[in-house]
Amino acid sequence: MTVAQLIAALRELPPEAVVLYEGDEGYALVAGVHIQKNAPPLPDEAILFPDMNE
């Protein structure tokens, strides 16, 4: 999924909906996004990371 595809999908959701990350331990709230810059020919990556406060 590209960032453009993610944004389009998120626009279809209610603005008050929370964003969750599904991992091996279940679900966690998303705390932020990290941008991983890569050298060509690899694309840059947007990495969502979970809220570890729970």
PDB file of N, CA and C in Angstrom:
ATOM      1  N   MET A   1       0.852  -1.175   0.000  1.00  0.00           N
ATOM      2  CA  MET A   1       0.000   0.000   0.000  1.00  0.00           C
ATOM      3  C   MET A   1       0.896   1.234   0.000  1.00  0.00           C
ATOM      4  N   THR A   2       0.557   2.189  -0.812  1.00  0.00           N
ATOM      5  CA  THR A   2       1.303   3.451  -0.841  1.00  0.00           C
ATOM      6  C   THR A   2       0.652   4.458   0.103  1.00  0.00           C
ATOM      7  N   VAL A   3       1.363   5.542   0.376  1.00  0.00           N
ATOM      8  CA  VAL A   3       0.806   6.602   1.219  1.00  0.00           C
ATOM      9  C   VAL A   3      -0.461   7.164   0.587  1.00  0.00           C
ATOM     10  N   ALA A   4      -0.467   7.344  -0.725  1.00  0.00           N
ATOM     11  CA  ALA A   4      -1.656   7.859  -1.411  1.00  0.00           C
ATOM     12  C   ALA A   4      -2.844   6.917  -1.228  1.00  0.00           C
ATOM     13  N   GLN A   5      -2.619   5.617  -1.312  1.00  0.00           N
ATOM     14  CA  GLN A   5      -3.687   4.636  -1.106  1.00  0.00           C
ATOM     15  C   GLN A   5      -4.174   4.652   0.340  1.00  0.00           C
ATOM     16  N   LEU A   6      -3.249   4.788   1.290  1.00  0.00           N
ATOM     17  CA  LEU A   6      -3.626   4.855   2.705  1.00  0.00           C
ATOM     18  C   LEU A   6      -4.466   6.086   2.982  1.00  0.00           C
ATOM     19  N   ILE A   7      -4.062   7.228   2.454  1.00  0.00           N
ATOM     20  CA  ILE A   7      -4.821   8.462   2.655  1.00  0.00           C
ATOM     21  C   ILE A   7      -6.213   8.331   2.063  1.00  0.00           C
ATOM     22  N   ALA A   8      -6.325   7.763   0.875  1.00  0.00           N
ATOM     23  CA  ALA A   8      -7.640   7.571   0.254  1.00  0.00           C
ATOM     24  C   ALA A   8      -8.512   6.669   1.109  1.00  0.00           C
ATOM     25  N   ALA A   9      -7.950   5.594   1.661  1.00  0.00           N
ATOM     26  CA  ALA A   9      -8.720   4.687   2.513  1.00  0.00           C
ATOM     27  C   ALA A   9      -9.143   5.384   3.805  1.00  0.00           C
ATOM     28  N   LEU A  10      -8.253   6.161   4.390  1.00  0.00           N
ATOM     29  CA  LEU A  10      -8.577   6.870   5.638  1.00  0.00           C
ATOM     30  C   LEU A  10      -9.652   7.924   5.435  1.00  0.00           C
ATOM     31  N   ARG A  11      -9.704   8.531   4.266  1.00  0.00           N
ATOM     32  CA  ARG A  11     -10.731   9.545   3.985  1.00  0.00           C
ATOM     33  C   ARG A  11     -12.133   8.959   4.009  1.00  0.00           C
ATOM     34  N   GLU A  12     -12.247   7.649   3.817  1.00  0.00           N
ATOM     35  CA  GLU A  12     -13.545   6.985   3.821  1.00  0.00           C
ATOM     36  C   GLU A  12     -14.039   6.684   5.236  1.00  0.00           C
ATOM     37  N   LEU A  13     -13.188   6.867   6.236  1.00  0.00           N
ATOM     38  CA  LEU A  13     -13.525   6.513   7.619  1.00  0.00           C
ATOM     39  C   LEU A  13     -14.013   7.730   8.396  1.00  0.00           C
ATOM     40  N   PRO A  14     -14.765   7.486   9.485  1.00  0.00           N
ATOM     41  CA  PRO A  14     -15.197   8.605  10.328  1.00  0.00           C
ATOM     42  C   PRO A  14     -13.976   9.297  10.953  1.00  0.00           C
ATOM     43  N   PRO A  15     -13.954  10.618  11.002  1.00  0.00           N
ATOM     44  CA  PRO A  15     -12.798  11.331  11.527  1.00  0.00           C
ATOM     45  C   PRO A  15     -12.502  11.032  12.997  1.00  0.00           C
ATOM     46  N   GLU A  16     -13.490  10.587  13.756  1.00  0.00           N
ATOM     47  CA  GLU A  16     -13.274  10.302  15.185  1.00  0.00           C
ATOM     48  C   GLU A  16     -12.777   8.877  15.430  1.00  0.00           C
ATOM     49  N   ALA A  17     -12.670   8.062  14.381  1.00  0.00           N
ATOM     50  CA  ALA A  17     -12.193   6.684  14.534  1.00  0.00           C
ATOM     51  C   ALA A  17     -10.721   6.688  14.948  1.00  0.00           C
ATOM     52  N   VAL A  18     -10.355   5.770  15.847  1.00  0.00           N
ATOM     53  CA  VAL A  18      -8.954   5.645  16.247  1.00  0.00           C
ATOM     54  C   VAL A  18      -8.232   4.716  15.280  1.00  0.00           C
ATOM     55  N   VAL A  19      -6.922   4.872  15.168  1.00  0.00           N
ATOM     56  CA  VAL A  19      -6.119   4.041  14.289  1.00  0.00           C
ATOM     57  C   VAL A  19      -5.396   3.010  15.147  1.00  0.00           C
ATOM     58  N   LEU A  20      -5.582   1.736  14.819  1.00  0.00           N
ATOM     59  CA  LEU A  20      -4.975   0.645  15.571  1.00  0.00           C
ATOM     60  C   LEU A  20      -3.959  -0.088  14.712  1.00  0.00           C
ATOM     61  N   TYR A  21      -2.983  -0.663  15.371  1.00  0.00           N
ATOM     62  CA  TYR A  21      -1.958  -1.489  14.743  1.00  0.00           C
ATOM     63  C   TYR A  21      -2.210  -2.922  15.192  1.00  0.00           C
ATOM     64  N   GLU A  22      -2.262  -3.857  14.262  1.00  0.00           N
ATOM     65  CA  GLU A  22      -2.449  -5.259  14.602  1.00  0.00           C
ATOM     66  C   GLU A  22      -1.101  -5.962  14.576  1.00  0.00           C
ATOM     67  N   GLY A  23      -0.740  -6.537  15.703  1.00  0.00           N
ATOM     68  CA  GLY A  23       0.526  -7.254  15.803  1.00  0.00           C
ATOM     69  C   GLY A  23       0.335  -8.617  16.427  1.00  0.00           C
ATOM     70  N   ASP A  24       1.429  -9.277  16.743  1.00  0.00           N
ATOM     71  CA  ASP A  24       1.378 -10.616  17.335  1.00  0.00           C
ATOM     72  C   ASP A  24       0.676 -10.633  18.689  1.00  0.00           C
ATOM     73  N   GLU A  25       0.761  -9.541  19.418  1.00  0.00           N
ATOM     74  CA  GLU A  25       0.171  -9.465  20.760  1.00  0.00           C
ATOM     75  C   GLU A  25      -1.256  -8.917  20.748  1.00  0.00           C
ATOM     76  N   GLY A  26      -1.832  -8.680  19.582  1.00  0.00           N
ATOM     77  CA  GLY A  26      -3.179  -8.125  19.496  1.00  0.00           C
ATOM     78  C   GLY A  26      -3.143  -6.751  18.862  1.00  0.00           C
ATOM     79  N   TYR A  27      -3.980  -5.851  19.366  1.00  0.00           N
ATOM     80  CA  TYR A  27      -4.099  -4.510  18.810  1.00  0.00           C
ATOM     81  C   TYR A  27      -3.462  -3.482  19.735  1.00  0.00           C
ATOM     82  N   ALA A  28      -2.912  -2.430  19.152  1.00  0.00           N
ATOM     83  CA  ALA A  28      -2.368  -1.298  19.905  1.00  0.00           C
ATOM     84  C   ALA A  28      -2.677  -0.025  19.135  1.00  0.00           C
ATOM     85  N   LEU A  29      -2.841   1.072  19.862  1.00  0.00           N
ATOM     86  CA  LEU A  29      -3.035   2.369  19.215  1.00  0.00           C
ATOM     87  C   LEU A  29      -1.772   2.763  18.466  1.00  0.00           C
ATOM     88  N   VAL A  30      -1.931   3.435  17.344  1.00  0.00           N
ATOM     89  CA  VAL A  30      -0.787   3.942  16.598  1.00  0.00           C
ATOM     90  C   VAL A  30      -0.355   5.253  17.258  1.00  0.00           C
ATOM     91  N   ALA A  31       0.935   5.350  17.582  1.00  0.00           N
ATOM     92  CA  ALA A  31       1.467   6.535  18.257  1.00  0.00           C
ATOM     93  C   ALA A  31       2.081   7.532  17.283  1.00  0.00           C
ATOM     94  N   GLY A  32       2.487   7.064  16.105  1.00  0.00           N
ATOM     95  CA  GLY A  32       3.112   7.975  15.160  1.00  0.00           C
ATOM     96  C   GLY A  32       3.595   7.272  13.909  1.00  0.00           C
ATOM     97  N   VAL A  33       4.282   8.050  13.096  1.00  0.00           N
ATOM     98  CA  VAL A  33       4.793   7.559  11.822  1.00  0.00           C
ATOM     99  C   VAL A  33       6.253   7.960  11.706  1.00  0.00           C
ATOM    100  N   HIS A  34       7.070   7.048  11.257  1.00  0.00           N
ATOM    101  CA  HIS A  34       8.483   7.315  10.978  1.00  0.00           C
ATOM    102  C   HIS A  34       8.686   7.177   9.473  1.00  0.00           C
ATOM    103  N   ILE A  35       9.398   8.107   8.877  1.00  0.00           N
ATOM    104  CA  ILE A  35       9.716   8.026   7.451  1.00  0.00           C
ATOM    105  C   ILE A  35      11.131   7.477   7.295  1.00  0.00           C
ATOM    106  N   GLN A  36      11.229   6.345   6.635  1.00  0.00           N
ATOM    107  CA  GLN A  36      12.514   5.717   6.360  1.00  0.00           C
ATOM    108  C   GLN A  36      12.920   6.074   4.940  1.00  0.00           C
ATOM    109  N   LYS A  37      13.954   6.911   4.809  1.00  0.00           N
ATOM    110  CA  LYS A  37      14.464   7.300   3.486  1.00  0.00           C
ATOM    111  C   LYS A  37      15.353   6.183   2.959  1.00  0.00           C
ATOM    112  N   ASN A  38      15.139   5.795   1.730  1.00  0.00           N
ATOM    113  CA  ASN A  38      15.928   4.742   1.090  1.00  0.00           C
ATOM    114  C   ASN A  38      16.577   5.274  -0.176  1.00  0.00           C
ATOM    115  N   ALA A  39      17.673   4.660  -0.533  1.00  0.00           N
ATOM    116  CA  ALA A  39      18.362   5.033  -1.773  1.00  0.00           C
ATOM    117  C   ALA A  39      17.665   4.353  -2.956  1.00  0.00           C
ATOM    118  N   PRO A  40      17.616   5.025  -4.098  1.00  0.00           N
ATOM    119  CA  PRO A  40      17.034   4.396  -5.290  1.00  0.00           C
ATOM    120  C   PRO A  40      17.755   3.091  -5.611  1.00  0.00           C
ATOM    121  N   PRO A  41      17.075   2.097  -6.057  1.00  0.00           N
ATOM    122  CA  PRO A  41      15.721   2.085  -6.599  1.00  0.00           C
ATOM    123  C   PRO A  41      14.644   1.789  -5.549  1.00  0.00           C
ATOM    124  N   LEU A  42      15.016   1.658  -4.276  1.00  0.00           N
ATOM    125  CA  LEU A  42      14.019   1.366  -3.243  1.00  0.00           C
ATOM    126  C   LEU A  42      13.200   2.607  -2.926  1.00  0.00           C
ATOM    127  N   PRO A  43      11.866   2.443  -2.737  1.00  0.00           N
ATOM    128  CA  PRO A  43      11.047   3.602  -2.372  1.00  0.00           C
ATOM    129  C   PRO A  43      11.230   3.932  -0.886  1.00  0.00           C
ATOM    130  N   ASP A  44      10.980   5.189  -0.519  1.00  0.00           N
ATOM    131  CA  ASP A  44      10.936   5.549   0.897  1.00  0.00           C
ATOM    132  C   ASP A  44       9.787   4.793   1.541  1.00  0.00           C
ATOM    133  N   GLU A  45       9.841   4.629   2.866  1.00  0.00           N
ATOM    134  CA  GLU A  45       8.824   3.857   3.580  1.00  0.00           C
ATOM    135  C   GLU A  45       8.241   4.676   4.723  1.00  0.00           C
ATOM    136  N   ALA A  46       6.926   4.606   4.899  1.00  0.00           N
ATOM    137  CA  ALA A  46       6.238   5.191   6.046  1.00  0.00           C
ATOM    138  C   ALA A  46       5.970   4.047   7.020  1.00  0.00           C
ATOM    139  N   ILE A  47       6.564   4.125   8.216  1.00  0.00           N
ATOM    140  CA  ILE A  47       6.454   3.050   9.192  1.00  0.00           C
ATOM    141  C   ILE A  47       5.590   3.524  10.355  1.00  0.00           C
ATOM    142  N   LEU A  48       4.452   2.864  10.561  1.00  0.00           N
ATOM    143  CA  LEU A  48       3.585   3.169  11.699  1.00  0.00           C
ATOM    144  C   LEU A  48       4.142   2.455  12.926  1.00  0.00           C
ATOM    145  N   PHE A  49       4.149   3.144  14.079  1.00  0.00           N
ATOM    146  CA  PHE A  49       4.605   2.456  15.272  1.00  0.00           C
ATOM    147  C   PHE A  49       3.566   2.581  16.374  1.00  0.00           C
ATOM    148  N   PRO A  50       3.476   1.528  17.239  1.00  0.00           N
ATOM    149  CA  PRO A  50       2.422   1.463  18.240  1.00  0.00           C
ATOM    150  C   PRO A  50       2.711   2.324  19.466  1.00  0.00           C
ATOM    151  N   ASP A  51       1.651   2.666  20.172  1.00  0.00           N
ATOM    152  CA  ASP A  51       1.740   3.371  21.453  1.00  0.00           C
ATOM    153  C   ASP A  51       2.123   2.327  22.502  1.00  0.00           C
ATOM    154  N   MET A  52       3.265   2.475  23.115  1.00  0.00           N
ATOM    155  CA  MET A  52       3.766   1.500  24.084  1.00  0.00           C
ATOM    156  C   MET A  52       3.359   1.847  25.515  1.00  0.00           C
ATOM    157  N   ASN A  53       2.482   2.839  25.713  1.00  0.00           N
ATOM    158  CA  ASN A  53       2.086   3.279  27.046  1.00  0.00           C
ATOM    159  C   ASN A  53       1.018   2.418  27.700  1.00  0.00           C
ATOM    160  N   GLU A  54       0.443   1.492  26.969  1.00  0.00           N
ATOM    161  CA  GLU A  54      -0.649   0.696  27.542  1.00  0.00           C
ATOM    162  C   GLU A  54      -0.141  -0.456  28.353  1.00  0.00           C
TER     163      GLU A  54
END
